[in-house]
Amino acid sequence: MANLESLKSALAEIKDLQYISAIIGWDQETYMPPLGAKERGEQLGTLAGLIHERITSPKFAQLLEQAEKEVQGMDPDSTEARLIKVTRREFERLIKVPARYYQELSETSAVAYSAWKEARQQDNFKKFQPFLAKIIDLRREYADYFRPYEHIYDPLLDEFEPGMKTKEVQAIFDELRPQQVELIRQIGARPQVDDSALHQYYDEQKQWDFGVEVITKFGYDWQRGRQDKTAHPFTTSFGLNDVRITTRILPDYIGSALFSTMHECGHALYELGFDPALARTPLADGASLAIHESQSRLWENLVGRSLPFWEYFYPHLQAVFPAQLGNVSLETFYKGINKVEPSLIRIEADEATYNLHIMLRLEIEIALISGELDVRDLPDLWNSKMEEYLGVVPPNNSMGVLQDVHWSHGSIGYFATYALGNLISAQWWEAINKDIPNLDNQIRKGEFQELLGWLREKIHHHGAKYEGKELVQRVTGSGISPKPYIQYIRQKYGQIYGL
């Protein structure tokens, strides 16, 4: 197995370079001074070029080919066979794209990120427009390297959700959309719940401390991670024992930090649960972004917005904020955090409307990449789509087209994975409750060990050994389906709104 071991050594060096890139990317979004953007872009571009050069070199190609021969005859589900399969897939993807492309995308994205932050702060889309136009051009160029394709968006989607086609996602969304719209219509006809208690002054440090208490209970290991503040919450990994999260705290709304902390903790728990044998290999990663999102949404929503969760944690929260919540009942608070109301901001959208934000973005991305939409017309289309899908119109671009960070990073093809993650989280939840029938009672006691253990065994441990669709099939016995999610939100919001 000499060639396999040599390949693993080469992959370990590549993984190290990726972690180094992640470190300076984390710093860019947390502590880097504003004028560092251009140089940081050059640094990220250099690393992107080095990584691409390593993976697509003739020496690496030869090592991969020789290692493939060594694993022939092995169990196709063995770690070695899966490592070769995943490496071959990544090699075939990257060999089609010149190193110059990745370097240019990294440099453009780093500067675009700073332009996006400034544009959002100043509510000035035109400051971001030329950078976004450049990114769209680059992403079209990327798709062109994969001709022929069924749909120009397929190569972009496949980068984040391996094996998925645009038509598959559209079919899932076509089944989901009318049912969500109908549920929202029914809820809209009922008296609205009162969430005013959430919109008061809440001390930022106390919000931070409560979030830390919650995710410590979930199982977040502070010896292997840390939390920082950022404009747009995210999770990043520098190795199996260094997985960091960020959160955003608003002094006049307790829900933002609370649920973003739980959400990012879900991502981190996934990365902290990879089999140590996968360290410094391409398998030390999530199966796909939809699977990753299924973990964050499960902890944020299926656990963190559940009644059993708050039967345990609400007295703690009342003790931290007696002036704000001392006279607010558990029922009022629970209904408040689950209020359904079409809103402007995706990351603060409720479970019943969130997927509509994603469908809107998917349609816009497809229009941009296919050339049906010019970047300069994006704000107008965004606003009209928001009115069509959610019945609200952003008062400015900062709360509209500039609200998400992803396009500045070049992450076109990314958004669909958020809604897919929602759907998959409900599929996991069905399976979990069959295997742990007293789960609600455990959560009422603040006990999450068995739940985390189930996720570790069924999902986390495997890392990227299986593609997302394949992992869902293995664990649940079915493909990605919107049915469990629809059933879940109908039952939950039927009780809250008396449908």
Protein backbone atom coordinates (compact mmCIF):
# COMPACT_ATOMS: atom_id res chain seq x y z
CA MET A 1 0.00 0.00 0.00
CA ALA A 2 3.00 2.27 -0.52
CA ASN A 3 1.24 4.35 -3.17
CA LEU A 4 -1.84 4.79 -1.02
CA GLU A 5 0.31 6.01 1.86
CA SER A 6 2.13 8.42 -0.46
CA LEU A 7 -1.21 9.72 -1.70
CA LYS A 8 -2.40 10.22 1.89
CA SER A 9 0.74 12.27 2.60
CA ALA A 10 0.08 14.46 -0.43
CA LEU A 11 -3.57 14.87 0.61
CA ALA A 12 -2.52 15.79 4.16
CA GLU A 13 -0.38 18.66 2.84
CA ILE A 14 -3.26 19.86 0.67
CA LYS A 15 -5.61 19.72 3.66
CA ASP A 16 -3.13 21.74 5.70
CA LEU A 17 -3.09 24.44 3.03
CA GLN A 18 -6.90 24.48 3.04
CA TYR A 19 -6.90 24.89 6.82
CA ILE A 20 -4.40 27.75 6.56
CA SER A 21 -6.67 29.41 4.02
CA ALA A 22 -9.59 28.95 6.43
CA ILE A 23 -7.61 30.58 9.25
CA ILE A 24 -6.92 33.78 7.33
CA GLY A 25 -10.49 33.73 6.00
CA TRP A 26 -11.78 33.55 9.59
CA ASP A 27 -9.55 36.45 10.55
CA GLN A 28 -10.83 38.42 7.55
CA GLU A 29 -14.39 38.19 8.89
CA THR A 30 -13.61 38.74 12.56
CA TYR A 31 -10.52 40.85 13.35
CA MET A 32 -8.84 42.02 10.14
CA PRO A 33 -8.65 45.83 9.79
CA PRO A 34 -10.69 47.21 6.85
CA LEU A 35 -7.73 48.23 4.72
CA GLY A 36 -6.28 44.72 4.77
CA ALA A 37 -8.76 43.44 2.17
CA LYS A 38 -6.59 43.75 -0.95
CA GLU A 39 -3.56 42.05 0.57
CA ARG A 40 -5.74 39.38 2.17
CA GLY A 41 -7.26 38.72 -1.24
CA GLU A 42 -3.80 38.24 -2.70
CA GLN A 43 -2.87 35.86 0.11
CA LEU A 44 -6.02 33.82 -0.34
CA GLY A 45 -5.45 33.82 -4.09
CA THR A 46 -1.90 32.52 -3.65
CA LEU A 47 -3.12 29.71 -1.40
CA ALA A 48 -5.94 28.83 -3.81
CA GLY A 49 -3.41 28.61 -6.63
CA LEU A 50 -1.06 26.41 -4.59
CA ILE A 51 -3.88 24.05 -3.60
CA HIS A 52 -5.08 23.74 -7.17
CA GLU A 53 -1.55 23.23 -8.43
CA ARG A 54 -0.92 20.43 -5.92
CA ILE A 55 -4.13 18.53 -6.73
CA THR A 56 -3.87 18.80 -10.51
CA SER A 57 -0.14 18.12 -10.85
CA PRO A 58 1.05 15.15 -13.00
CA LYS A 59 2.73 13.69 -9.90
CA PHE A 60 -0.57 13.73 -7.97
CA ALA A 61 -2.42 12.22 -10.94
CA GLN A 62 0.09 9.39 -11.08
CA LEU A 63 -0.14 8.76 -7.33
CA LEU A 64 -3.94 8.65 -7.52
CA GLU A 65 -3.89 6.21 -10.42
CA GLN A 66 -1.45 3.90 -8.63
CA ALA A 67 -3.40 4.08 -5.35
CA GLU A 68 -6.60 3.19 -7.22
CA LYS A 69 -4.97 -0.06 -8.32
CA GLU A 70 -4.02 -0.86 -4.72
CA VAL A 71 -7.58 -0.53 -3.40
CA GLN A 72 -9.16 -2.60 -6.16
CA GLY A 73 -11.02 -5.50 -4.60
CA MET A 74 -11.48 -3.74 -1.26
CA ASP A 75 -14.92 -3.28 0.24
CA PRO A 76 -16.27 -0.24 -1.72
CA ASP A 77 -17.49 1.22 1.60
CA SER A 78 -14.10 0.96 3.29
CA THR A 79 -12.42 4.20 4.27
CA GLU A 80 -9.61 3.56 1.78
CA ALA A 81 -11.93 2.89 -1.16
CA ARG A 82 -14.10 5.90 -0.30
CA LEU A 83 -11.04 8.11 0.07
CA ILE A 84 -9.93 7.19 -3.43
CA LYS A 85 -13.45 7.70 -4.82
CA VAL A 86 -13.82 11.16 -3.28
CA THR A 87 -10.29 12.15 -4.30
CA ARG A 88 -10.87 11.01 -7.87
CA ARG A 89 -14.10 13.01 -8.04
CA GLU A 90 -12.38 16.16 -6.77
CA PHE A 91 -9.42 15.64 -9.09
CA GLU A 92 -11.69 15.26 -12.13
CA ARG A 93 -13.54 18.43 -11.13
CA LEU A 94 -10.46 20.55 -10.55
CA ILE A 95 -8.45 19.35 -13.54
CA LYS A 96 -11.06 20.95 -15.79
CA VAL A 97 -10.50 24.37 -14.25
CA PRO A 98 -7.22 26.31 -14.61
CA ALA A 99 -5.37 27.42 -11.47
CA ARG A 100 -5.64 31.00 -12.68
CA TYR A 101 -9.41 30.81 -12.27
CA TYR A 102 -9.28 29.90 -8.56
CA GLN A 103 -6.66 32.52 -7.87
CA GLU A 104 -8.72 35.19 -9.62
CA LEU A 105 -11.91 34.12 -7.84
CA SER A 106 -10.19 34.23 -4.43
CA GLU A 107 -8.71 37.66 -5.05
CA THR A 108 -11.97 39.04 -6.46
CA SER A 109 -14.02 37.58 -3.60
CA ALA A 110 -11.79 39.02 -0.89
CA VAL A 111 -12.14 42.54 -2.28
CA ALA A 112 -15.85 41.96 -3.04
CA TYR A 113 -16.45 40.97 0.58
CA SER A 114 -15.08 44.30 1.82
CA ALA A 115 -17.11 46.14 -0.85
CA TRP A 116 -20.23 44.24 0.24
CA LYS A 117 -19.72 45.17 3.89
CA GLU A 118 -19.29 48.83 2.98
CA ALA A 119 -22.23 48.80 0.54
CA ARG A 120 -24.47 47.21 3.15
CA GLN A 121 -23.48 49.70 5.83
CA GLN A 122 -24.09 52.62 3.45
CA ASP A 123 -27.16 51.11 1.72
CA ASN A 124 -25.42 51.61 -1.61
CA PHE A 125 -25.83 48.67 -4.02
CA LYS A 126 -23.81 50.41 -6.73
CA LYS A 127 -20.67 50.09 -4.59
CA PHE A 128 -21.06 46.31 -4.69
CA GLN A 129 -22.48 46.04 -8.22
CA PRO A 130 -19.22 45.91 -10.24
CA PHE A 131 -17.73 43.31 -7.90
CA LEU A 132 -20.84 41.14 -8.09
CA ALA A 133 -20.87 41.49 -11.89
CA LYS A 134 -17.28 40.23 -11.95
CA ILE A 135 -18.16 37.29 -9.70
CA ILE A 136 -21.12 36.35 -11.91
CA ASP A 137 -18.82 36.41 -14.95
CA LEU A 138 -16.33 34.19 -13.14
CA ARG A 139 -19.03 31.72 -12.11
CA ARG A 140 -20.33 31.53 -15.68
CA GLU A 141 -16.76 30.86 -16.76
CA TYR A 142 -16.58 28.04 -14.18
CA ALA A 143 -19.75 26.43 -15.56
CA ASP A 144 -18.34 26.61 -19.08
CA TYR A 145 -15.46 24.33 -18.09
CA PHE A 146 -18.02 21.55 -17.52
CA ARG A 147 -19.78 21.61 -20.88
CA PRO A 148 -21.80 19.76 -21.95
CA TYR A 149 -24.23 19.99 -19.05
CA GLU A 150 -27.99 19.59 -18.71
CA HIS A 151 -28.28 23.05 -17.14
CA ILE A 152 -25.71 25.83 -16.77
CA TYR A 153 -26.42 25.90 -13.04
CA ASP A 154 -25.61 22.19 -12.58
CA PRO A 155 -21.82 22.59 -12.20
CA LEU A 156 -22.30 25.34 -9.61
CA LEU A 157 -24.81 23.32 -7.59
CA ASP A 158 -22.62 20.21 -7.81
CA GLU A 159 -19.73 22.10 -6.24
CA PHE A 160 -21.72 22.41 -3.00
CA GLU A 161 -24.14 19.47 -3.28
CA PRO A 162 -22.31 16.64 -5.08
CA GLY A 163 -24.50 14.56 -7.36
CA MET A 164 -27.52 16.89 -7.29
CA LYS A 165 -28.99 18.33 -10.50
CA THR A 166 -30.87 21.61 -10.87
CA LYS A 167 -33.96 19.76 -12.11
CA GLU A 168 -33.97 17.57 -8.96
CA VAL A 169 -33.91 20.60 -6.67
CA GLN A 170 -36.58 22.36 -8.72
CA ALA A 171 -38.82 19.26 -8.52
CA ILE A 172 -38.44 19.12 -4.73
CA PHE A 173 -39.16 22.84 -4.42
CA ASP A 174 -42.15 22.59 -6.78
CA GLU A 175 -43.66 20.01 -4.43
CA LEU A 176 -42.82 22.05 -1.33
CA ARG A 177 -43.74 25.57 -2.42
CA PRO A 178 -47.56 25.35 -2.76
CA GLN A 179 -47.89 23.53 0.55
CA GLN A 180 -45.82 26.11 2.40
CA VAL A 181 -47.69 28.96 0.75
CA GLU A 182 -51.03 27.40 1.74
CA LEU A 183 -49.89 26.91 5.35
CA ILE A 184 -48.75 30.53 5.54
CA ARG A 185 -52.12 31.63 4.12
CA GLN A 186 -53.94 29.63 6.82
CA ILE A 187 -51.74 31.05 9.57
CA GLY A 188 -52.25 34.57 8.21
CA ALA A 189 -56.00 34.18 8.74
CA ARG A 190 -55.52 33.45 12.45
CA PRO A 191 -54.88 35.94 15.28
CA GLN A 192 -51.18 36.74 15.48
CA VAL A 193 -49.11 35.66 18.46
CA ASP A 194 -47.41 38.25 20.67
CA ASP A 195 -43.61 38.37 20.40
CA SER A 196 -43.14 41.85 21.87
CA ALA A 197 -41.21 40.40 24.83
CA LEU A 198 -38.39 39.45 22.46
CA HIS A 199 -37.99 43.01 21.20
CA GLN A 200 -36.65 44.80 24.25
CA TYR A 201 -33.22 45.77 25.47
CA TYR A 202 -31.20 42.68 26.35
CA ASP A 203 -27.67 43.09 27.72
CA GLU A 204 -25.23 41.80 25.10
CA GLN A 205 -22.87 40.04 27.52
CA LYS A 206 -25.76 38.24 29.21
CA GLN A 207 -27.06 37.12 25.81
CA TRP A 208 -23.58 35.82 25.01
CA ASP A 209 -23.30 33.97 28.33
CA PHE A 210 -26.71 32.32 27.99
CA GLY A 211 -25.85 31.13 24.48
CA VAL A 212 -22.60 29.66 25.84
CA GLU A 213 -24.59 27.85 28.55
CA VAL A 214 -26.94 26.33 25.98
CA ILE A 215 -24.34 25.05 23.54
CA THR A 216 -22.18 23.71 26.36
CA LYS A 217 -25.18 21.57 27.27
CA PHE A 218 -25.49 20.52 23.63
CA GLY A 219 -21.95 19.18 23.80
CA TYR A 220 -19.78 21.89 22.21
CA ASP A 221 -16.22 21.27 23.39
CA TRP A 222 -14.52 24.55 24.38
CA GLN A 223 -11.15 22.79 24.41
CA ARG A 224 -11.63 22.28 20.67
CA GLY A 225 -13.37 25.50 19.68
CA ARG A 226 -14.22 29.12 20.45
CA GLN A 227 -16.87 31.70 19.61
CA ASP A 228 -16.41 35.23 18.23
CA LYS A 229 -18.63 38.04 16.92
CA THR A 230 -19.14 38.80 13.24
CA ALA A 231 -21.57 40.57 10.90
CA HIS A 232 -22.79 37.31 9.41
CA PRO A 233 -22.54 34.18 11.63
CA PHE A 234 -20.52 31.24 10.30
CA THR A 235 -18.56 28.17 11.38
CA THR A 236 -15.06 27.27 10.21
CA SER A 237 -12.65 24.43 10.83
CA PHE A 238 -8.86 24.43 11.10
CA GLY A 239 -8.65 20.73 11.96
CA LEU A 240 -10.54 18.07 13.90
CA ASN A 241 -9.65 19.81 17.16
CA ASP A 242 -10.13 23.45 16.19
CA VAL A 243 -13.69 24.18 15.01
CA ARG A 244 -14.79 27.78 15.60
CA ILE A 245 -18.16 29.47 15.55
CA THR A 246 -19.32 33.08 15.36
CA THR A 247 -22.54 34.83 16.33
CA ARG A 248 -24.27 38.18 15.92
CA ILE A 249 -25.77 39.96 18.92
CA LEU A 250 -28.53 42.56 18.65
CA PRO A 251 -29.24 44.51 21.85
CA ASP A 252 -32.92 45.00 20.98
CA TYR A 253 -33.77 41.44 19.87
CA ILE A 254 -32.82 38.37 21.87
CA GLY A 255 -33.58 35.88 19.10
CA SER A 256 -30.68 36.80 16.82
CA ALA A 257 -27.76 35.74 19.02
CA LEU A 258 -29.69 32.94 20.69
CA PHE A 259 -30.60 31.06 17.55
CA SER A 260 -27.51 31.89 15.52
CA THR A 261 -25.38 30.50 18.36
CA MET A 262 -27.39 27.25 18.38
CA HIS A 263 -27.31 27.11 14.58
CA GLU A 264 -23.55 27.48 14.32
CA CYS A 265 -23.05 25.05 17.18
CA GLY A 266 -24.93 22.46 15.10
CA HIS A 267 -22.42 22.94 12.28
CA ALA A 268 -19.52 22.68 14.73
CA LEU A 269 -20.80 19.53 16.43
CA TYR A 270 -20.84 17.87 13.02
CA GLU A 271 -17.21 18.76 12.29
CA LEU A 272 -16.12 17.81 15.80
CA GLY A 273 -17.69 14.38 15.30
CA PHE A 274 -15.66 13.19 12.32
CA ASP A 275 -13.87 9.87 12.76
CA PRO A 276 -10.29 10.73 13.85
CA ALA A 277 -9.07 8.26 11.22
CA LEU A 278 -10.24 10.76 8.57
CA ALA A 279 -7.92 13.54 9.80
CA ARG A 280 -6.00 15.48 7.13
CA THR A 281 -7.89 13.78 4.30
CA PRO A 282 -10.73 15.00 2.03
CA LEU A 283 -13.08 12.77 4.07
CA ALA A 284 -12.66 15.07 7.08
CA ASP A 285 -15.45 17.24 5.75
CA GLY A 286 -19.23 17.35 5.59
CA ALA A 287 -20.99 14.99 3.19
CA SER A 288 -22.48 18.04 1.49
CA LEU A 289 -23.69 21.50 2.43
CA ALA A 290 -27.29 20.27 2.72
CA ILE A 291 -26.19 17.63 5.23
CA HIS A 292 -24.20 20.30 7.07
CA GLU A 293 -27.23 22.57 7.13
CA SER A 294 -29.43 19.73 8.35
CA GLN A 295 -27.27 19.63 11.48
CA SER A 296 -27.47 23.35 12.20
CA ARG A 297 -31.21 23.53 11.55
CA LEU A 298 -31.86 20.45 13.68
CA TRP A 299 -30.23 22.00 16.74
CA GLU A 300 -31.58 25.49 16.08
CA ASN A 301 -35.17 24.59 15.25
CA LEU A 302 -36.17 21.01 16.04
CA VAL A 303 -34.40 21.24 19.40
CA GLY A 304 -33.98 24.96 20.12
CA ARG A 305 -37.46 26.13 19.16
CA SER A 306 -39.24 23.15 20.71
CA LEU A 307 -41.48 23.33 23.78
CA PRO A 308 -39.57 20.60 25.69
CA PHE A 309 -36.34 22.59 25.26
CA TRP A 310 -37.85 25.69 26.77
CA GLU A 311 -39.55 23.78 29.58
CA TYR A 312 -35.99 23.21 30.74
CA PHE A 313 -34.23 26.43 29.71
CA TYR A 314 -36.90 29.11 30.12
CA PRO A 315 -36.59 29.40 33.94
CA HIS A 316 -32.84 29.90 33.39
CA LEU A 317 -33.48 32.65 30.83
CA GLN A 318 -36.04 34.34 33.10
CA ALA A 319 -33.47 34.38 35.89
CA VAL A 320 -30.95 36.08 33.57
CA PHE A 321 -33.50 38.65 32.32
CA PRO A 322 -36.10 39.06 35.10
CA ALA A 323 -37.13 42.60 34.09
CA GLN A 324 -37.81 41.54 30.48
CA LEU A 325 -39.24 38.03 30.99
CA GLY A 326 -40.18 37.66 34.65
CA ASN A 327 -43.88 38.22 33.92
CA VAL A 328 -43.93 36.52 30.50
CA SER A 329 -45.36 32.99 30.55
CA LEU A 330 -43.61 30.03 28.96
CA GLU A 331 -46.49 29.65 26.50
CA THR A 332 -46.24 33.29 25.39
CA PHE A 333 -42.46 33.06 25.01
CA TYR A 334 -42.66 29.75 23.10
CA LYS A 335 -45.25 31.12 20.71
CA GLY A 336 -43.23 34.32 20.34
CA ILE A 337 -40.06 32.57 19.22
CA ASN A 338 -42.15 30.58 16.74
CA LYS A 339 -44.12 33.51 15.36
CA VAL A 340 -44.88 33.11 11.66
CA GLU A 341 -44.69 36.38 9.79
CA PRO A 342 -43.25 37.07 6.35
CA SER A 343 -40.06 38.99 6.98
CA LEU A 344 -37.24 40.73 5.16
CA ILE A 345 -34.20 39.00 6.66
CA ARG A 346 -33.55 35.37 5.73
CA ILE A 347 -31.44 34.41 8.74
CA GLU A 348 -34.18 35.63 11.08
CA ALA A 349 -37.08 34.08 9.13
CA ASP A 350 -39.36 31.60 10.87
CA GLU A 351 -39.54 27.92 9.94
CA ALA A 352 -42.72 28.30 7.91
CA THR A 353 -41.42 31.07 5.62
CA TYR A 354 -37.67 30.42 5.54
CA ASN A 355 -37.69 28.11 2.52
CA LEU A 356 -39.44 30.77 0.42
CA HIS A 357 -36.39 33.03 0.92
CA ILE A 358 -34.25 30.22 -0.49
CA MET A 359 -36.49 29.55 -3.48
CA LEU A 360 -36.39 33.25 -4.32
CA ARG A 361 -32.60 33.26 -4.24
CA LEU A 362 -32.35 30.11 -6.32
CA GLU A 363 -34.51 31.61 -9.06
CA ILE A 364 -32.46 34.83 -9.03
CA GLU A 365 -29.15 32.96 -9.18
CA ILE A 366 -30.32 30.87 -12.11
CA ALA A 367 -31.45 34.04 -13.91
CA LEU A 368 -28.08 35.72 -13.25
CA ILE A 369 -26.00 32.76 -14.40
CA SER A 370 -28.12 32.04 -17.45
CA GLY A 371 -27.86 35.70 -18.52
CA GLU A 372 -31.59 36.39 -18.24
CA LEU A 373 -30.90 38.98 -15.52
CA ASP A 374 -28.34 41.78 -15.53
CA VAL A 375 -26.72 42.60 -12.17
CA ARG A 376 -27.82 46.25 -12.38
CA ASP A 377 -31.47 45.10 -12.45
CA LEU A 378 -31.04 42.84 -9.42
CA PRO A 379 -32.45 45.16 -6.70
CA ASP A 380 -35.72 45.73 -8.59
CA LEU A 381 -36.21 42.02 -9.27
CA TRP A 382 -35.33 41.18 -5.68
CA ASN A 383 -37.96 43.55 -4.35
CA SER A 384 -40.66 42.32 -6.74
CA LYS A 385 -39.88 38.69 -5.87
CA MET A 386 -40.05 39.47 -2.16
CA GLU A 387 -43.48 40.98 -2.67
CA GLU A 388 -44.61 38.03 -4.80
CA TYR A 389 -43.28 35.31 -2.47
CA LEU A 390 -43.61 36.87 0.97
CA GLY A 391 -45.84 39.91 0.57
CA VAL A 392 -43.19 42.32 1.90
CA VAL A 393 -41.01 44.88 0.14
CA PRO A 394 -37.60 45.87 1.55
CA PRO A 395 -37.41 49.56 2.48
CA ASN A 396 -33.77 49.64 1.34
CA ASN A 397 -31.15 47.44 -0.30
CA SER A 398 -29.33 46.73 2.96
CA MET A 399 -32.39 44.81 4.12
CA GLY A 400 -32.95 43.44 0.64
CA VAL A 401 -30.46 42.39 -1.97
CA LEU A 402 -27.41 43.24 0.17
CA GLN A 403 -28.39 41.20 3.22
CA ASP A 404 -26.48 37.98 2.40
CA VAL A 405 -22.71 37.59 2.38
CA HIS A 406 -22.55 34.56 0.08
CA TRP A 407 -22.42 36.25 -3.32
CA SER A 408 -19.45 38.34 -2.21
CA HIS A 409 -17.62 35.08 -1.50
CA GLY A 410 -18.44 33.76 -4.98
CA SER A 411 -20.79 31.15 -3.52
CA ILE A 412 -23.24 30.97 -6.41
CA GLY A 413 -24.94 27.58 -6.29
CA TYR A 414 -25.02 27.54 -2.50
CA PHE A 415 -28.46 28.71 -1.42
CA ALA A 416 -30.53 25.67 -2.38
CA THR A 417 -28.62 23.65 0.21
CA TYR A 418 -30.22 25.69 3.00
CA ALA A 419 -33.75 24.57 2.15
CA LEU A 420 -32.60 21.03 1.40
CA GLY A 421 -30.99 21.02 4.83
CA ASN A 422 -34.31 21.98 6.41
CA LEU A 423 -36.04 19.09 4.70
CA ILE A 424 -33.33 16.59 5.63
CA SER A 425 -33.38 17.74 9.27
CA ALA A 426 -37.03 16.68 9.51
CA GLN A 427 -36.16 13.32 7.95
CA TRP A 428 -33.44 12.81 10.57
CA TRP A 429 -35.90 13.82 13.30
CA GLU A 430 -38.37 11.14 12.24
CA ALA A 431 -35.63 8.51 12.35
CA ILE A 432 -34.25 9.78 15.67
CA ASN A 433 -37.63 9.66 17.39
CA LYS A 434 -38.13 6.06 16.27
CA ASP A 435 -34.79 5.10 17.79
CA ILE A 436 -35.10 7.34 20.89
CA PRO A 437 -38.85 7.30 21.73
CA ASN A 438 -38.35 9.25 24.99
CA LEU A 439 -36.34 12.03 23.35
CA ASP A 440 -38.77 14.79 24.36
CA ASN A 441 -38.44 13.80 28.02
CA GLN A 442 -34.65 13.85 27.75
CA ILE A 443 -34.75 17.35 26.25
CA ARG A 444 -37.11 18.47 29.07
CA LYS A 445 -34.33 17.51 31.49
CA GLY A 446 -31.63 19.29 29.50
CA GLU A 447 -30.10 15.98 28.45
CA PHE A 448 -28.69 15.86 24.92
CA GLN A 449 -26.08 13.12 25.14
CA GLU A 450 -28.14 10.35 23.51
CA LEU A 451 -29.28 12.66 20.71
CA LEU A 452 -25.70 13.76 20.01
CA GLY A 453 -24.58 10.13 20.20
CA TRP A 454 -27.14 9.14 17.54
CA LEU A 455 -25.97 11.93 15.25
CA ARG A 456 -22.33 11.00 15.84
CA GLU A 457 -22.94 7.35 14.93
CA LYS A 458 -25.30 7.78 11.98
CA ILE A 459 -24.00 11.00 10.38
CA HIS A 460 -20.99 12.76 11.88
CA HIS A 461 -18.62 9.79 12.10
CA HIS A 462 -18.69 9.21 8.33
CA GLY A 463 -17.53 12.70 7.33
CA ALA A 464 -17.57 12.89 3.53
CA LYS A 465 -17.45 9.15 2.87
CA TYR A 466 -20.92 9.30 1.32
CA GLU A 467 -22.56 11.94 -0.86
CA GLY A 468 -25.49 13.76 0.72
CA LYS A 469 -28.23 11.94 -1.18
CA GLU A 470 -26.60 8.61 -0.45
CA LEU A 471 -26.29 9.32 3.29
CA VAL A 472 -29.97 10.29 3.53
CA GLN A 473 -30.92 7.05 1.77
CA ARG A 474 -28.71 4.97 4.08
CA VAL A 475 -30.04 6.50 7.29
CA THR A 476 -33.72 7.05 6.48
CA GLY A 477 -34.38 4.55 3.68
CA SER A 478 -35.62 7.24 1.30
CA GLY A 479 -34.33 10.06 -0.88
CA ILE A 480 -34.56 13.74 0.03
CA SER A 481 -38.25 14.47 0.51
CA PRO A 482 -40.28 17.49 1.63
CA LYS A 483 -43.03 15.33 3.20
CA PRO A 484 -41.63 14.97 6.76
CA TYR A 485 -40.88 18.70 6.89
CA ILE A 486 -44.38 19.64 5.76
CA GLN A 487 -45.87 17.25 8.31
CA TYR A 488 -43.65 18.71 11.04
CA ILE A 489 -44.52 22.37 10.40
CA ARG A 490 -48.22 21.61 9.92
CA GLN A 491 -48.38 19.84 13.27
CA LYS A 492 -46.28 22.40 15.13
CA TYR A 493 -47.91 25.54 13.75
CA GLY A 494 -51.34 23.95 13.76
CA GLN A 495 -51.02 23.75 17.55
CA ILE A 496 -49.54 27.23 17.95
CA TYR A 497 -52.12 28.95 15.72
CA GLY A 498 -55.09 26.67 16.36
CA LEU A 499 -55.50 25.52 12.75
